[in-house]
Amino acid sequence: MRPKRRAITALVLAALVFPGCAQNYGRFAIDRQVAQDFRAGVVRPEYQYYYSGRDTMPYAIIAIHRTWRVPSHYWTPFAPEPGQLMRMSGNIYDEVQKSPYGASIKTPTGETIGLWFSNVFNRSVRVDPEQRTVEILFTNPENDDRPAW
């Protein structure tokens, strides 16, 4: 009888603990067309653009659908002209020594809500569908031990 009781207790504890861990994490889907569009300076009007880092040498550039918000002071909103987006995309911070890549930013259900361009691979996206907010976290390439959030 005791092993059964322990198993039930473990299940109850797991049911209480694990929901706190189950947040709304989205994902990045590598997409060559996204990278080509950033490099070519294609500005999509349905997206709000943001960069992190310096405007002359950003760590990353994102474009988030205008129906979503990015409530973070680490992302600077900007309205790029095609030439500006080409220059910024061509001057991504390169100490990481990896080529920049493009990705679609997806919700947990697979809806595309944004675009990503960077050479940083250590990143995550948290999505709040009720508040329509997107939080993108990544390791600061100039300081490996601290995330840029």
Protein backbone atom coordinates (compact mmCIF):
# COMPACT_ATOMS: atom_id res chain seq x y z
CA MET A 1 0.00 0.00 0.00
CA ARG A 2 2.86 2.40 0.74
CA PRO A 3 4.34 2.34 -2.79
CA LYS A 4 0.92 3.21 -4.20
CA ARG A 5 0.56 6.10 -1.77
CA ARG A 6 4.02 7.41 -2.69
CA ALA A 7 3.19 7.22 -6.37
CA ILE A 8 -0.02 9.18 -5.86
CA THR A 9 1.81 11.78 -3.76
CA ALA A 10 4.48 12.12 -6.47
CA LEU A 11 1.81 12.60 -9.15
CA VAL A 12 0.03 15.27 -7.11
CA LEU A 13 3.31 17.13 -6.50
CA ALA A 14 4.21 16.93 -10.20
CA ALA A 15 0.78 18.29 -11.13
CA LEU A 16 1.38 21.26 -8.84
CA VAL A 17 4.99 21.96 -9.86
CA PHE A 18 5.08 21.43 -13.64
CA PRO A 19 2.35 23.88 -14.76
CA GLY A 20 4.62 26.71 -13.58
CA CYS A 21 7.29 25.44 -15.96
CA ALA A 22 4.94 25.19 -18.92
CA GLN A 23 5.12 28.73 -20.27
CA ASN A 24 4.23 29.84 -23.76
CA TYR A 25 7.53 29.41 -25.54
CA GLY A 26 7.52 29.93 -29.25
CA ARG A 27 10.21 28.81 -31.65
CA PHE A 28 12.48 29.97 -34.43
CA ALA A 29 12.19 28.28 -37.82
CA ILE A 30 15.29 28.84 -39.97
CA ASP A 31 14.22 30.40 -43.27
CA ARG A 32 16.66 31.35 -46.04
CA GLN A 33 14.10 33.65 -47.66
CA VAL A 34 13.93 35.73 -44.47
CA ALA A 35 17.73 36.15 -44.56
CA GLN A 36 17.63 37.10 -48.25
CA ASP A 37 14.89 39.66 -47.60
CA PHE A 38 16.84 41.31 -44.76
CA ARG A 39 20.02 41.45 -46.86
CA ALA A 40 18.07 42.89 -49.82
CA GLY A 41 16.43 45.54 -47.63
CA VAL A 42 12.89 44.25 -48.12
CA VAL A 43 10.73 46.15 -45.61
CA ARG A 44 7.39 44.53 -44.88
CA PRO A 45 4.77 47.12 -43.86
CA GLU A 46 2.80 44.67 -41.70
CA TYR A 47 5.79 44.40 -39.31
CA GLN A 48 7.32 46.75 -36.75
CA TYR A 49 11.12 46.51 -36.84
CA TYR A 50 13.44 46.49 -33.81
CA TYR A 51 17.16 46.11 -33.28
CA SER A 52 19.24 45.20 -30.25
CA GLY A 53 22.74 46.59 -29.80
CA ARG A 54 24.02 49.56 -31.77
CA ASP A 55 22.14 50.86 -34.79
CA THR A 56 25.44 50.83 -36.70
CA MET A 57 26.27 47.24 -35.65
CA PRO A 58 23.23 45.45 -34.19
CA TYR A 59 23.37 42.06 -32.45
CA ALA A 60 20.01 41.16 -33.95
CA ILE A 61 17.17 42.67 -35.96
CA ILE A 62 13.59 41.50 -35.54
CA ALA A 63 10.35 42.33 -37.29
CA ILE A 64 7.18 41.65 -35.26
CA HIS A 65 3.68 41.68 -36.71
CA ARG A 66 1.98 44.96 -35.78
CA THR A 67 -0.79 43.14 -33.88
CA TRP A 68 1.86 42.08 -31.31
CA ARG A 69 3.98 44.17 -28.90
CA VAL A 70 7.58 43.88 -27.70
CA PRO A 71 7.59 45.31 -24.13
CA SER A 72 11.37 45.47 -23.65
CA HIS A 73 13.82 48.34 -23.41
CA TYR A 74 16.53 46.12 -24.95
CA TRP A 75 14.80 46.24 -28.32
CA THR A 76 14.76 49.64 -30.04
CA PRO A 77 11.90 50.19 -32.50
CA PHE A 78 12.74 51.77 -35.84
CA ALA A 79 11.08 52.36 -39.20
CA PRO A 80 13.72 51.31 -41.70
CA GLU A 81 14.10 52.45 -45.25
CA PRO A 82 15.31 49.66 -47.57
CA GLY A 83 18.86 51.07 -47.71
CA GLN A 84 19.08 51.35 -43.94
CA LEU A 85 17.86 47.76 -43.45
CA MET A 86 20.44 46.56 -46.00
CA ARG A 87 23.26 48.42 -44.20
CA MET A 88 22.21 47.19 -40.77
CA SER A 89 21.79 43.61 -42.00
CA GLY A 90 25.20 43.76 -43.65
CA ASN A 91 26.84 44.97 -40.46
CA ILE A 92 25.53 42.53 -37.84
CA TYR A 93 27.95 42.23 -34.90
CA ASP A 94 30.41 39.63 -36.13
CA GLU A 95 32.62 38.67 -33.20
CA VAL A 96 30.57 35.47 -33.01
CA GLN A 97 32.23 34.37 -36.29
CA LYS A 98 29.09 32.77 -37.67
CA SER A 99 27.19 34.03 -40.68
CA PRO A 100 23.92 35.81 -39.92
CA TYR A 101 20.81 33.78 -40.65
CA GLY A 102 17.10 34.44 -40.95
CA ALA A 103 14.25 32.73 -39.16
CA SER A 104 10.51 33.01 -38.78
CA ILE A 105 9.34 33.59 -35.21
CA LYS A 106 6.45 31.28 -34.38
CA THR A 107 3.93 31.00 -31.55
CA PRO A 108 3.54 27.68 -29.69
CA THR A 109 0.70 26.89 -32.13
CA GLY A 110 2.88 27.54 -35.19
CA GLU A 111 1.54 30.97 -36.24
CA THR A 112 4.25 33.20 -37.75
CA ILE A 113 4.36 36.46 -35.78
CA GLY A 114 7.76 37.78 -36.71
CA LEU A 115 11.14 37.55 -38.37
CA TRP A 116 14.66 37.27 -36.94
CA PHE A 117 18.06 38.14 -38.43
CA SER A 118 21.28 37.59 -36.48
CA ASN A 119 24.23 35.28 -36.00
CA VAL A 120 23.26 34.52 -32.39
CA PHE A 121 22.02 30.96 -31.92
CA ASN A 122 21.48 30.98 -28.15
CA ARG A 123 18.03 32.60 -28.08
CA SER A 124 14.44 31.96 -27.01
CA VAL A 125 11.03 33.49 -27.56
CA ARG A 126 8.25 33.72 -25.00
CA VAL A 127 4.77 34.58 -26.23
CA ASP A 128 1.73 35.78 -24.27
CA PRO A 129 -1.27 35.28 -26.57
CA GLU A 130 -3.67 37.03 -24.17
CA GLN A 131 -1.59 40.20 -23.88
CA ARG A 132 -0.26 39.81 -27.47
CA THR A 133 3.32 40.32 -26.30
CA VAL A 134 6.56 38.80 -27.54
CA GLU A 135 9.73 38.56 -25.44
CA ILE A 136 12.89 37.55 -27.27
CA LEU A 137 15.90 36.73 -25.13
CA PHE A 138 19.42 35.96 -26.30
CA THR A 139 22.95 35.83 -24.98
CA ASN A 140 24.77 39.11 -25.49
CA PRO A 141 27.58 38.26 -27.94
CA GLU A 142 29.91 40.79 -26.29
CA ASN A 143 29.45 39.26 -22.85
CA ASP A 144 29.01 35.49 -22.99
CA ASP A 145 27.96 35.08 -19.37
CA ARG A 146 25.01 37.52 -19.39
CA PRO A 147 21.83 37.37 -21.46
CA ALA A 148 20.65 40.51 -23.27
CA TRP A 149 17.23 40.93 -21.71
